[in-house]
Amino acid sequence: MNIAIIGTGISGLSAAYRLLQLKPGATVHVFDRRERIGGVLETLHRDGFQIEQSADNFITTVPWGLRLCKELGLDDQLVQTNPLYRRTYVVRRGRLHLLPDGFLMMAPTKLWPMATTPILSPMGKLRAGLELFMPARKDDIDESMADFVRRRLGREVFERLVEPLVSGVYAADMEKLSVLATLPRFREMEREHGSLIRAMQKQLAANRSADLAEQSGARYSMFVTLRNGLSSLCDALAARLPEGSLKLGREVTALVKLPEGGWNVESGGDVKRYDAVILATETHAAAKLLEAATPELSRKLDAIPHEGTAIATFAFEIGQMKRSVRGMGFVVPKIEKSPILAGSFSSLKYEHRAPAGQMLIRIFAGGARMPEAAEMSDERLVPILLEEMRKILGIDGQPLLTTVAHWPRTMPQYHVGHRELVREIENAAQADPTLALAGNAFHGVGIPNCIRSGFDAHTIVVDWQFHQPPPFSAQILRIDDRSNLLENRPTVKSHNARALTAKHSGIPMRTQLRHQLP
């Protein structure tokens, strides 16, 4: 059994790792056009600073990230967020204000902080309180994040709180972003409790009871990172692969489906046959590769739009910060008309990331709000961001260090109707059990969900290999292989990763997705 995996991001590496655990005799080649592994995950170490070029931590309430770290022996490297700074700021009229205590993504768990926050006007607070009495929607019809929040909590809560918080995760247009594909639990709260506020208060009470009952076992903050950087997770996965598995600097330029079964993979002028292929790339790249072999699937993959971002990291002396901050980061509402989506006080969040007396700040720009930022030259972008930082943070002088990472067309946009589109993609994909898809474009963004997608992709390929009788030509060649000839179980019926049971990995497929703030 030989498998080609396209993409050495966390999804592709996870698929290769798990596949070789179950089929140690298999040949697995993982291709990437870049000369390094990790996809968008990249850690830099410069002048005593640790700089993450994209994601800088992962959520612990979605289990696959923590479980993989423990499996790889990295659990002693896990670092929790600094408990002194577990607060988020929101910009209003150019100034930082603390997010109301207990406000979780789009609903409050505490009423008094909402009543006293300077972020909302008296009328905005009154309208938010009326959410308790708004009629509940009971159907399963999708709607945009903007429509949902305005309907439940009013325009001002949407514009001043929810829009910047959710944009900090998805870099999306809230008028198009699907609530059912991103934060479905809030629609479930509305349907079950009639009110988000009521549901959040009940959930808070239940969580307190659970915390009191739980007296043993390792406890983690909601977000964690790795002491040596998130690249070390990719390095640990790559180290488990046999020598020669990684094909770096080898862009796959063509995939050809063979009539007798399997695929020809063309890369760097070479062509090699593989039994199966796992595509762990952005969907627009996968669509291009599949255009000739599976035109219908290609069109559907290409229908998932992507936005890009730029992440600029600046180092300063703490004395250059004229305004004191006691949080992990800040978000900026669209109505502020700022070039900044969000910012992260990286060395307050994780103190090992900067030398004593110095501060590391990451600034996010681009997305649907400013798409040109993803490919804007550093010479143009950096002065724009620095000027805005001076207004918001009161920074004096020039940075000690500056890096910029550009990530064009890497953020999938979960627009209204995304779930139906993904179902269509999965239905089209099940026509060929030798093809699997992985990545962040289907059932959730963030590192844990990418790991899960890689595990799911390996499950499809391994199930096909276990359950499929060999093709007729192979039966003639291997007439004495009784185990294959006698095996006549049905092929796997669906590529729906959420419906598959990961019986080989021991990891459950169902979880409640939560999301990450800067």
Protein backbone atom coordinates (compact mmCIF):
# COMPACT_ATOMS: atom_id res chain seq x y z
CA MET A 1 0.00 0.00 0.00
CA ASN A 2 1.50 3.33 -1.01
CA ILE A 3 -0.14 6.68 -0.27
CA ALA A 4 0.60 10.22 -1.48
CA ILE A 5 -0.30 13.08 0.86
CA ILE A 6 -0.29 16.57 -0.59
CA GLY A 7 0.60 19.17 2.03
CA THR A 8 2.90 19.05 5.08
CA GLY A 9 0.76 21.26 7.30
CA ILE A 10 -0.57 19.88 10.57
CA SER A 11 -3.44 18.10 8.75
CA GLY A 12 -1.19 16.28 6.28
CA LEU A 13 1.41 15.34 8.90
CA SER A 14 -1.29 14.05 11.25
CA ALA A 15 -2.72 11.89 8.46
CA ALA A 16 0.72 10.44 7.65
CA TYR A 17 1.55 9.77 11.29
CA ARG A 18 -1.70 7.97 12.07
CA LEU A 19 -1.70 6.02 8.82
CA LEU A 20 1.79 4.63 9.48
CA GLN A 21 0.78 3.66 13.00
CA LEU A 22 -1.95 1.44 11.58
CA LYS A 23 -0.11 0.30 8.44
CA PRO A 24 3.59 0.33 9.40
CA GLY A 25 4.49 -1.41 6.16
CA ALA A 26 2.88 1.22 3.97
CA THR A 27 4.86 3.65 1.85
CA VAL A 28 3.76 7.21 2.57
CA HIS A 29 5.14 10.22 0.72
CA VAL A 30 4.17 13.71 1.90
CA PHE A 31 4.67 16.42 -0.73
CA ASP A 32 5.02 20.18 -0.28
CA ARG A 33 6.05 22.96 -2.63
CA ARG A 34 7.80 24.69 0.27
CA GLU A 35 11.23 23.68 1.53
CA ARG A 36 9.92 23.32 5.08
CA ILE A 37 7.15 21.46 6.87
CA GLY A 38 4.28 22.97 8.86
CA GLY A 39 2.17 24.85 6.32
CA VAL A 40 1.16 28.09 8.01
CA LEU A 41 2.64 26.94 11.34
CA GLU A 42 6.11 28.43 11.67
CA THR A 43 8.10 29.44 14.75
CA LEU A 44 11.03 31.86 14.55
CA HIS A 45 13.69 32.31 17.25
CA ARG A 46 15.44 35.69 17.02
CA ASP A 47 17.42 37.74 19.53
CA GLY A 48 15.81 35.95 22.47
CA PHE A 49 12.26 36.32 21.07
CA GLN A 50 10.02 33.42 20.08
CA ILE A 51 7.76 34.49 17.21
CA GLU A 52 4.83 32.50 15.91
CA GLN A 53 4.08 33.40 12.30
CA SER A 54 0.45 32.28 12.40
CA ALA A 55 -1.46 30.43 15.16
CA ASP A 56 0.33 30.89 18.49
CA ASN A 57 -1.65 28.44 20.66
CA PHE A 58 -4.53 25.99 20.52
CA ILE A 59 -7.73 25.43 22.43
CA THR A 60 -7.95 22.66 25.02
CA THR A 61 -11.72 22.16 25.03
CA VAL A 62 -11.41 20.46 21.62
CA PRO A 63 -9.42 17.34 22.53
CA TRP A 64 -7.25 16.37 19.57
CA GLY A 65 -4.43 18.86 20.12
CA LEU A 66 -3.80 17.90 23.74
CA ARG A 67 -4.12 14.20 23.01
CA LEU A 68 -1.63 14.29 20.16
CA CYS A 69 0.89 16.25 22.25
CA LYS A 70 0.65 13.64 25.01
CA GLU A 71 0.93 10.80 22.51
CA LEU A 72 4.11 12.35 21.08
CA GLY A 73 5.62 12.89 24.52
CA LEU A 74 5.26 16.66 24.36
CA ASP A 75 2.97 17.05 27.37
CA ASP A 76 5.86 18.31 29.51
CA GLN A 77 6.31 21.12 26.96
CA LEU A 78 2.73 22.43 27.28
CA VAL A 79 2.55 25.98 28.62
CA GLN A 80 -0.63 27.62 29.87
CA THR A 81 -1.59 31.25 29.37
CA ASN A 82 -0.45 33.61 32.11
CA PRO A 83 -3.33 33.74 34.62
CA LEU A 84 -2.54 37.40 35.42
CA TYR A 85 -3.50 38.47 31.89
CA ARG A 86 -6.53 36.40 30.91
CA ARG A 87 -8.52 39.38 29.75
CA THR A 88 -9.31 40.80 26.31
CA TYR A 89 -9.67 44.44 25.30
CA VAL A 90 -12.02 45.98 22.75
CA VAL A 91 -11.19 49.24 21.00
CA ARG A 92 -13.79 52.01 21.18
CA ARG A 93 -13.03 55.39 19.66
CA GLY A 94 -9.36 54.57 19.53
CA ARG A 95 -9.02 53.51 23.19
CA LEU A 96 -8.74 50.12 24.88
CA HIS A 97 -11.62 48.96 27.10
CA LEU A 98 -11.85 45.60 28.84
CA LEU A 99 -14.36 43.17 27.40
CA PRO A 100 -17.20 42.82 29.92
CA ASP A 101 -16.34 40.04 32.35
CA GLY A 102 -18.21 36.86 31.45
CA PHE A 103 -18.95 37.81 27.83
CA LEU A 104 -18.22 34.66 25.83
CA MET A 105 -18.02 35.26 22.07
CA MET A 106 -21.60 36.46 21.62
CA ALA A 107 -23.48 36.27 24.90
CA PRO A 108 -22.99 37.37 28.52
CA THR A 109 -22.89 35.07 31.53
CA LYS A 110 -22.98 38.04 33.94
CA LEU A 111 -25.36 40.99 33.72
CA TRP A 112 -23.65 43.60 35.91
CA PRO A 113 -20.46 43.88 33.77
CA MET A 114 -22.69 44.38 30.72
CA ALA A 115 -24.65 47.08 32.54
CA THR A 116 -21.51 49.01 33.50
CA THR A 117 -19.26 48.61 30.43
CA PRO A 118 -18.31 51.87 28.65
CA ILE A 119 -18.24 49.97 25.34
CA LEU A 120 -22.04 50.10 24.98
CA SER A 121 -24.44 53.03 25.14
CA PRO A 122 -27.43 52.97 27.54
CA MET A 123 -29.74 52.12 24.64
CA GLY A 124 -27.40 49.35 23.49
CA LYS A 125 -27.42 47.84 26.99
CA LEU A 126 -31.21 48.06 27.19
CA ARG A 127 -31.62 46.33 23.84
CA ALA A 128 -29.21 43.58 24.93
CA GLY A 129 -31.25 43.00 28.10
CA LEU A 130 -34.41 42.58 26.02
CA GLU A 131 -32.84 39.41 24.58
CA LEU A 132 -34.46 37.54 27.47
CA PHE A 133 -37.87 38.32 25.97
CA MET A 134 -37.18 38.01 22.23
CA PRO A 135 -39.04 35.17 20.46
CA ALA A 136 -36.88 32.14 19.77
CA ARG A 137 -36.32 30.73 16.33
CA LYS A 138 -36.92 26.96 16.28
CA ASP A 139 -36.05 25.96 12.69
CA ASP A 140 -32.73 24.71 11.28
CA ILE A 141 -32.43 27.27 8.48
CA ASP A 142 -28.98 28.85 8.31
CA GLU A 143 -28.42 32.59 8.75
CA SER A 144 -25.49 34.96 8.86
CA MET A 145 -23.71 35.81 12.09
CA ALA A 146 -24.75 39.43 11.65
CA ASP A 147 -28.44 38.59 11.24
CA PHE A 148 -28.43 36.21 14.21
CA VAL A 149 -26.76 38.58 16.67
CA ARG A 150 -28.76 41.64 15.61
CA ARG A 151 -31.94 39.59 15.97
CA ARG A 152 -31.05 38.36 19.46
CA LEU A 153 -28.96 41.12 21.07
CA GLY A 154 -29.31 44.18 18.86
CA ARG A 155 -27.17 46.16 16.45
CA GLU A 156 -24.83 47.72 19.00
CA VAL A 157 -23.79 44.46 20.70
CA PHE A 158 -23.13 43.06 17.25
CA GLU A 159 -21.04 46.01 16.04
CA ARG A 160 -19.12 46.68 19.26
CA LEU A 161 -18.60 43.20 20.72
CA VAL A 162 -19.48 40.20 18.57
CA GLU A 163 -18.25 41.41 15.19
CA PRO A 164 -14.67 42.13 16.38
CA LEU A 165 -14.47 38.95 18.51
CA VAL A 166 -15.60 36.64 15.71
CA SER A 167 -13.60 38.53 13.06
CA GLY A 168 -10.52 37.90 15.19
CA VAL A 169 -11.08 34.16 14.62
CA TYR A 170 -12.38 33.93 11.06
CA ALA A 171 -11.22 37.17 9.38
CA ALA A 172 -14.65 37.03 7.73
CA ASP A 173 -17.48 39.23 6.54
CA MET A 174 -20.11 38.84 9.28
CA GLU A 175 -22.91 39.50 6.80
CA LYS A 176 -21.92 36.25 5.04
CA LEU A 177 -20.47 34.09 7.83
CA SER A 178 -22.69 31.12 8.71
CA VAL A 179 -23.74 30.84 12.34
CA LEU A 180 -24.60 27.14 11.94
CA ALA A 181 -21.19 26.28 10.46
CA THR A 182 -19.17 28.24 13.01
CA LEU A 183 -20.97 28.63 16.35
CA PRO A 184 -23.98 26.30 16.14
CA ARG A 185 -24.21 25.92 19.91
CA PHE A 186 -25.66 29.42 20.16
CA ARG A 187 -28.54 28.50 17.87
CA GLU A 188 -28.99 25.36 20.00
CA MET A 189 -29.12 27.57 23.11
CA GLU A 190 -31.81 29.71 21.51
CA ARG A 191 -33.83 26.66 20.50
CA GLU A 192 -33.53 24.86 23.86
CA HIS A 193 -33.71 27.77 26.31
CA GLY A 194 -35.43 30.54 24.35
CA SER A 195 -32.66 33.00 25.29
CA LEU A 196 -28.87 33.14 24.99
CA ILE A 197 -28.55 34.97 28.31
CA ARG A 198 -30.67 32.38 30.10
CA ALA A 199 -28.74 29.53 28.49
CA MET A 200 -25.34 31.01 29.37
CA GLN A 201 -26.33 31.52 32.99
CA LYS A 202 -27.47 27.89 33.26
CA GLN A 203 -24.26 26.71 31.61
CA LEU A 204 -22.18 28.80 34.02
CA ALA A 205 -23.94 27.23 37.00
CA ALA A 206 -23.40 23.75 35.56
CA ASN A 207 -19.71 24.47 34.95
CA ARG A 208 -19.26 25.61 38.54
CA SER A 209 -20.79 22.37 39.79
CA ALA A 210 -18.54 20.35 37.49
CA ASP A 211 -15.45 22.25 38.67
CA LEU A 212 -16.32 21.52 42.29
CA ALA A 213 -16.82 17.84 41.51
CA GLU A 214 -13.57 17.46 39.57
CA GLN A 215 -10.75 17.09 42.07
CA SER A 216 -8.08 15.15 40.17
CA GLY A 217 -6.25 15.09 36.84
CA ALA A 218 -4.24 17.70 34.93
CA ARG A 219 -6.00 21.02 34.53
CA TYR A 220 -5.19 23.37 31.67
CA SER A 221 -6.16 26.90 30.76
CA MET A 222 -8.51 27.21 27.78
CA PHE A 223 -5.48 27.79 25.51
CA VAL A 224 -2.00 26.29 25.61
CA THR A 225 1.14 26.38 23.51
CA LEU A 226 4.43 24.49 23.34
CA ARG A 227 7.50 25.90 25.07
CA ASN A 228 9.70 25.44 22.02
CA GLY A 229 7.05 26.79 19.65
CA LEU A 230 4.28 25.19 17.63
CA SER A 231 6.74 24.16 14.94
CA SER A 232 7.96 21.60 17.45
CA LEU A 233 4.64 19.76 17.10
CA CYS A 234 5.18 19.46 13.34
CA ASP A 235 8.81 18.44 13.92
CA ALA A 236 7.72 15.72 16.34
CA LEU A 237 5.25 14.31 13.78
CA ALA A 238 7.85 14.43 11.01
CA ALA A 239 10.37 12.64 13.22
CA ARG A 240 7.97 9.66 13.44
CA LEU A 241 7.93 9.23 9.65
CA PRO A 242 10.41 6.91 7.89
CA GLU A 243 13.39 8.47 6.17
CA GLY A 244 12.49 9.64 2.69
CA SER A 245 8.80 10.17 3.46
CA LEU A 246 8.98 13.96 3.16
CA LYS A 247 9.19 15.36 -0.36
CA LEU A 248 9.94 19.04 0.29
CA GLY A 249 10.30 21.56 -2.51
CA ARG A 250 8.29 19.17 -4.67
CA GLU A 251 5.10 20.84 -5.89
CA VAL A 252 2.51 18.39 -7.16
CA THR A 253 1.44 19.68 -10.55
CA ALA A 254 -0.93 16.94 -11.72
CA LEU A 255 -3.08 14.08 -10.42
CA VAL A 256 -4.27 11.48 -12.91
CA LYS A 257 -6.86 8.85 -11.97
CA LEU A 258 -5.89 5.51 -13.49
CA PRO A 259 -8.53 3.21 -15.06
CA GLU A 260 -7.12 0.16 -13.27
CA GLY A 261 -7.20 1.96 -9.92
CA GLY A 262 -4.84 4.29 -8.11
CA TRP A 263 -3.35 7.64 -9.08
CA ASN A 264 -0.40 8.97 -10.99
CA VAL A 265 1.15 11.87 -9.09
CA GLU A 266 3.32 14.26 -11.08
CA SER A 267 5.88 16.30 -9.16
CA GLY A 268 9.10 17.95 -10.26
CA GLY A 269 8.90 16.28 -13.65
CA ASP A 270 8.60 12.81 -12.09
CA VAL A 271 5.48 10.62 -12.23
CA LYS A 272 4.77 7.91 -9.65
CA ARG A 273 1.77 5.67 -9.07
CA TYR A 274 0.03 5.58 -5.67
CA ASP A 275 -2.85 3.47 -4.39
CA ALA A 276 -4.54 6.45 -2.75
CA VAL A 277 -4.17 10.19 -2.33
CA ILE A 278 -4.92 12.48 0.62
CA LEU A 279 -5.26 16.17 -0.28
CA ALA A 280 -4.39 18.33 2.74
CA THR A 281 -4.22 21.68 0.97
CA GLU A 282 -6.43 24.74 0.66
CA THR A 283 -9.54 23.73 -1.28
CA HIS A 284 -8.75 26.01 -4.22
CA ALA A 285 -5.41 24.19 -4.64
CA ALA A 286 -7.13 20.80 -4.33
CA ALA A 287 -9.73 21.89 -6.89
CA LYS A 288 -7.04 22.70 -9.43
CA LEU A 289 -5.39 19.29 -9.01
CA LEU A 290 -8.71 17.43 -9.33
CA GLU A 291 -10.09 19.44 -12.25
CA ALA A 292 -9.45 16.73 -14.85
CA ALA A 293 -10.04 13.64 -12.69
CA THR A 294 -13.21 14.71 -10.84
CA PRO A 295 -14.66 17.89 -12.38
CA GLU A 296 -17.79 17.98 -10.18
CA LEU A 297 -15.81 17.63 -6.95
CA SER A 298 -13.31 20.20 -8.23
CA ARG A 299 -16.06 22.77 -8.83
CA LYS A 300 -17.52 22.27 -5.37
CA LEU A 301 -14.13 22.55 -3.66
CA ASP A 302 -13.44 25.75 -5.57
CA ALA A 303 -16.74 27.16 -4.29
CA ILE A 304 -15.33 27.55 -0.76
CA PRO A 305 -13.92 31.10 -0.72
CA HIS A 306 -10.70 31.96 1.10
CA GLU A 307 -9.39 35.20 2.56
CA GLY A 308 -5.82 36.09 3.42
CA THR A 309 -4.15 37.79 6.36
CA ALA A 310 -0.88 39.45 7.25
CA ILE A 311 0.59 39.00 10.73
CA ALA A 312 3.15 41.59 11.80
CA THR A 313 5.19 41.02 14.96
CA PHE A 314 6.94 43.88 16.75
CA ALA A 315 9.31 43.89 19.72
CA PHE A 316 9.58 46.91 22.05
CA GLU A 317 11.12 47.88 25.33
CA ILE A 318 8.36 47.88 27.94
CA GLY A 319 9.17 51.55 28.60
CA GLN A 320 8.05 52.38 25.06
CA MET A 321 4.47 51.41 26.02
CA LYS A 322 2.90 54.56 27.42
CA ARG A 323 -0.40 52.84 28.24
CA SER A 324 -0.49 49.99 30.73
CA VAL A 325 -2.20 46.78 29.60
CA ARG A 326 -3.35 43.83 31.71
CA GLY A 327 -4.66 41.48 29.06
CA MET A 328 -3.65 38.97 26.40
CA GLY A 329 -4.79 41.02 23.44
CA PHE A 330 -7.36 43.29 21.83
CA VAL A 331 -9.89 43.26 19.00
CA VAL A 332 -10.96 46.16 16.80
CA PRO A 333 -14.56 46.58 15.54
CA LYS A 334 -15.07 47.22 11.85
CA ILE A 335 -16.85 50.49 12.63
CA GLU A 336 -13.57 51.85 14.04
CA LYS A 337 -12.31 51.89 10.41
CA SER A 338 -8.91 50.65 11.54
CA PRO A 339 -6.44 48.65 9.39
CA ILE A 340 -5.98 46.33 12.40
CA LEU A 341 -8.25 43.32 12.97
CA ALA A 342 -6.76 42.33 16.32
CA GLY A 343 -3.59 42.36 18.37
CA SER A 344 -1.95 39.91 20.77
CA PHE A 345 0.38 40.83 23.62
CA SER A 346 2.35 37.68 22.92
CA SER A 347 4.89 37.94 25.74
CA LEU A 348 2.22 38.76 28.35
CA LYS A 349 0.19 35.80 27.19
CA TYR A 350 3.24 33.50 27.38
CA GLU A 351 6.12 35.11 29.24
CA HIS A 352 8.85 32.89 27.75
CA ARG A 353 8.46 34.60 24.39
CA ALA A 354 10.50 37.72 25.15
CA PRO A 355 13.55 38.66 27.24
CA ALA A 356 12.95 40.43 30.55
CA GLY A 357 12.00 44.08 30.14
CA GLN A 358 10.85 43.64 26.56
CA MET A 359 7.49 43.03 24.93
CA LEU A 360 6.37 41.15 21.85
CA ILE A 361 3.16 42.28 20.10
CA ARG A 362 1.49 40.54 17.16
CA ILE A 363 -0.84 42.52 14.87
CA PHE A 364 -3.38 40.93 12.52
CA ALA A 365 -4.52 42.67 9.35
CA GLY A 366 -6.44 41.68 6.26
CA GLY A 367 -9.29 39.23 5.98
CA ALA A 368 -12.55 40.30 4.37
CA ARG A 369 -12.13 43.73 5.97
CA MET A 370 -8.85 44.64 4.20
CA PRO A 371 -8.04 41.84 1.71
CA GLU A 372 -5.18 43.71 0.08
CA ALA A 373 -3.12 43.51 3.30
CA ALA A 374 -2.35 39.82 2.74
CA GLU A 375 -0.16 40.65 -0.25
CA MET A 376 0.80 44.24 0.51
CA SER A 377 4.53 44.93 0.61
CA ASP A 378 6.12 45.21 4.04
CA GLU A 379 7.32 48.70 3.12
CA ARG A 380 3.71 49.85 2.78
CA LEU A 381 2.05 47.75 5.47
CA VAL A 382 4.41 48.18 8.43
CA PRO A 383 4.16 52.02 8.65
CA ILE A 384 0.35 51.80 8.46
CA LEU A 385 0.19 49.33 11.32
CA LEU A 386 2.76 51.14 13.46
CA GLU A 387 0.88 54.42 13.16
CA GLU A 388 -2.35 52.74 14.28
CA MET A 389 -0.55 51.03 17.17
CA ARG A 390 0.75 54.37 18.37
CA LYS A 391 -2.81 55.70 18.50
CA ILE A 392 -4.25 52.68 20.31
CA LEU A 393 -1.37 51.62 22.56
CA GLY A 394 0.58 54.86 22.98
CA ILE A 395 3.82 53.35 21.69
CA ASP A 396 6.82 55.66 21.53
CA GLY A 397 9.77 55.16 19.17
CA GLN A 398 10.67 52.43 16.71
CA PRO A 399 10.44 48.66 17.28
CA LEU A 400 13.52 46.67 18.21
CA LEU A 401 12.50 43.94 15.78
CA THR A 402 9.89 43.54 13.06
CA THR A 403 8.73 40.47 11.12
CA VAL A 404 5.77 40.11 8.76
CA ALA A 405 4.16 36.88 7.60
CA HIS A 406 1.85 37.00 4.59
CA TRP A 407 -0.78 34.28 4.24
CA PRO A 408 -2.85 34.93 1.06
CA ARG A 409 -5.93 32.73 0.51
CA THR A 410 -5.34 30.52 3.56
CA MET A 411 -8.45 31.28 5.65
CA PRO A 412 -11.56 29.38 4.45
CA GLN A 413 -14.76 31.38 4.70
CA TYR A 414 -17.67 29.49 6.22
CA HIS A 415 -20.42 31.40 4.43
CA VAL A 416 -24.14 30.78 4.86
CA GLY A 417 -24.83 27.40 3.30
CA HIS A 418 -21.36 26.07 4.11
CA ARG A 419 -22.64 22.91 5.79
CA GLU A 420 -24.72 22.00 2.75
CA LEU A 421 -21.74 22.67 0.45
CA VAL A 422 -19.51 20.41 2.56
CA ARG A 423 -22.14 17.65 2.42
CA GLU A 424 -22.16 17.96 -1.38
CA ILE A 425 -18.35 17.75 -1.41
CA GLU A 426 -18.40 14.63 0.75
CA ASN A 427 -21.10 13.03 -1.40
CA ALA A 428 -19.06 13.73 -4.54
CA ALA A 429 -15.89 12.41 -2.89
CA GLN A 430 -17.42 9.06 -1.90
CA ALA A 431 -17.43 8.04 -5.55
CA ASP A 432 -13.72 7.27 -5.08
CA PRO A 433 -12.60 5.69 -1.78
CA THR A 434 -8.94 6.12 -2.80
CA LEU A 435 -9.25 9.88 -2.38
CA ALA A 436 -9.57 11.71 0.95
CA LEU A 437 -9.65 15.39 1.91
CA ALA A 438 -8.21 17.08 4.99
CA GLY A 439 -7.74 20.62 6.24
CA ASN A 440 -9.50 23.51 7.91
CA ALA A 441 -12.10 24.17 5.22
CA PHE A 442 -14.71 21.59 6.20
CA HIS A 443 -15.61 21.05 9.86
CA GLY A 444 -13.68 23.61 11.87
CA VAL A 445 -10.62 25.84 11.96
CA GLY A 446 -7.82 25.74 14.51
CA ILE A 447 -5.05 23.25 15.19
CA PRO A 448 -7.13 20.56 17.00
CA ASN A 449 -9.69 20.42 14.19
CA CYS A 450 -6.93 20.20 11.58
CA ILE A 451 -5.43 17.26 13.49
CA ARG A 452 -8.84 15.63 13.58
CA SER A 453 -9.28 16.13 9.83
CA GLY A 454 -5.96 14.37 9.20
CA PHE A 455 -7.01 11.47 11.42
CA ASP A 456 -10.35 11.26 9.60
CA ALA A 457 -8.65 11.26 6.20
CA HIS A 458 -6.39 8.38 7.22
CA THR A 459 -9.47 6.49 8.46
CA ILE A 460 -11.12 6.73 5.03
CA VAL A 461 -8.02 5.39 3.28
CA VAL A 462 -7.37 2.62 5.81
CA ASP A 463 -11.03 1.55 5.86
CA TRP A 464 -10.95 1.35 2.07
CA GLN A 465 -7.83 -0.81 2.18
CA PHE A 466 -9.26 -3.06 4.88
CA HIS A 467 -12.74 -3.45 3.40
CA GLN A 468 -12.22 -3.34 -0.36
CA PRO A 469 -11.67 -6.60 -2.19
CA PRO A 470 -8.74 -6.12 -4.61
CA PRO A 471 -9.58 -5.10 -8.17
CA PHE A 472 -10.08 -7.96 -10.64
CA SER A 473 -6.63 -7.48 -12.15
CA ALA A 474 -5.06 -7.69 -8.70
CA GLN A 475 -6.99 -10.91 -7.96
CA ILE A 476 -5.47 -12.53 -11.06
CA LEU A 477 -1.97 -11.47 -10.03
CA ARG A 478 -2.44 -12.59 -6.42
CA ILE A 479 -4.60 -15.67 -6.85
CA ASP A 480 -2.93 -17.37 -3.88
CA ASP A 481 -3.69 -14.52 -1.46
CA ARG A 482 -6.67 -16.17 0.24
CA SER A 483 -7.12 -13.42 2.82
CA ASN A 484 -7.82 -10.84 0.13
CA LEU A 485 -9.99 -13.10 -1.97
CA LEU A 486 -12.13 -14.17 0.97
CA GLU A 487 -12.52 -10.63 2.29
CA ASN A 488 -15.85 -9.42 0.96
CA ARG A 489 -17.04 -6.78 3.39
CA PRO A 490 -18.74 -3.73 1.88
CA THR A 491 -16.77 -0.62 1.07
CA VAL A 492 -17.04 2.41 3.30
CA LYS A 493 -20.26 4.21 2.44
CA SER A 494 -19.42 7.86 3.07
CA HIS A 495 -16.54 10.28 3.28
CA ASN A 496 -18.42 12.34 5.82
CA ALA A 497 -15.65 12.74 8.39
CA ARG A 498 -18.08 13.70 11.13
CA ALA A 499 -20.03 10.47 10.67
CA LEU A 500 -17.02 8.15 10.66
CA THR A 501 -15.99 6.43 13.88
CA ALA A 502 -12.25 6.73 14.44
CA LYS A 503 -12.03 3.16 15.71
CA HIS A 504 -8.35 2.96 14.87
CA SER A 505 -7.29 6.15 16.64
CA GLY A 506 -9.47 5.80 19.73
CA ILE A 507 -10.57 9.43 19.37
CA PRO A 508 -14.29 10.30 19.33
CA MET A 509 -15.61 12.19 16.35
CA ARG A 510 -18.11 14.44 18.08
CA THR A 511 -17.21 17.50 20.10
CA GLN A 512 -18.48 21.00 20.70
CA LEU A 513 -16.40 23.48 18.73
CA ARG A 514 -15.23 26.59 20.47
CA HIS A 515 -13.02 29.28 19.08
CA GLN A 516 -9.90 31.23 19.83
CA LEU A 517 -9.45 34.89 20.66
CA PRO A 518 -6.21 36.70 19.82
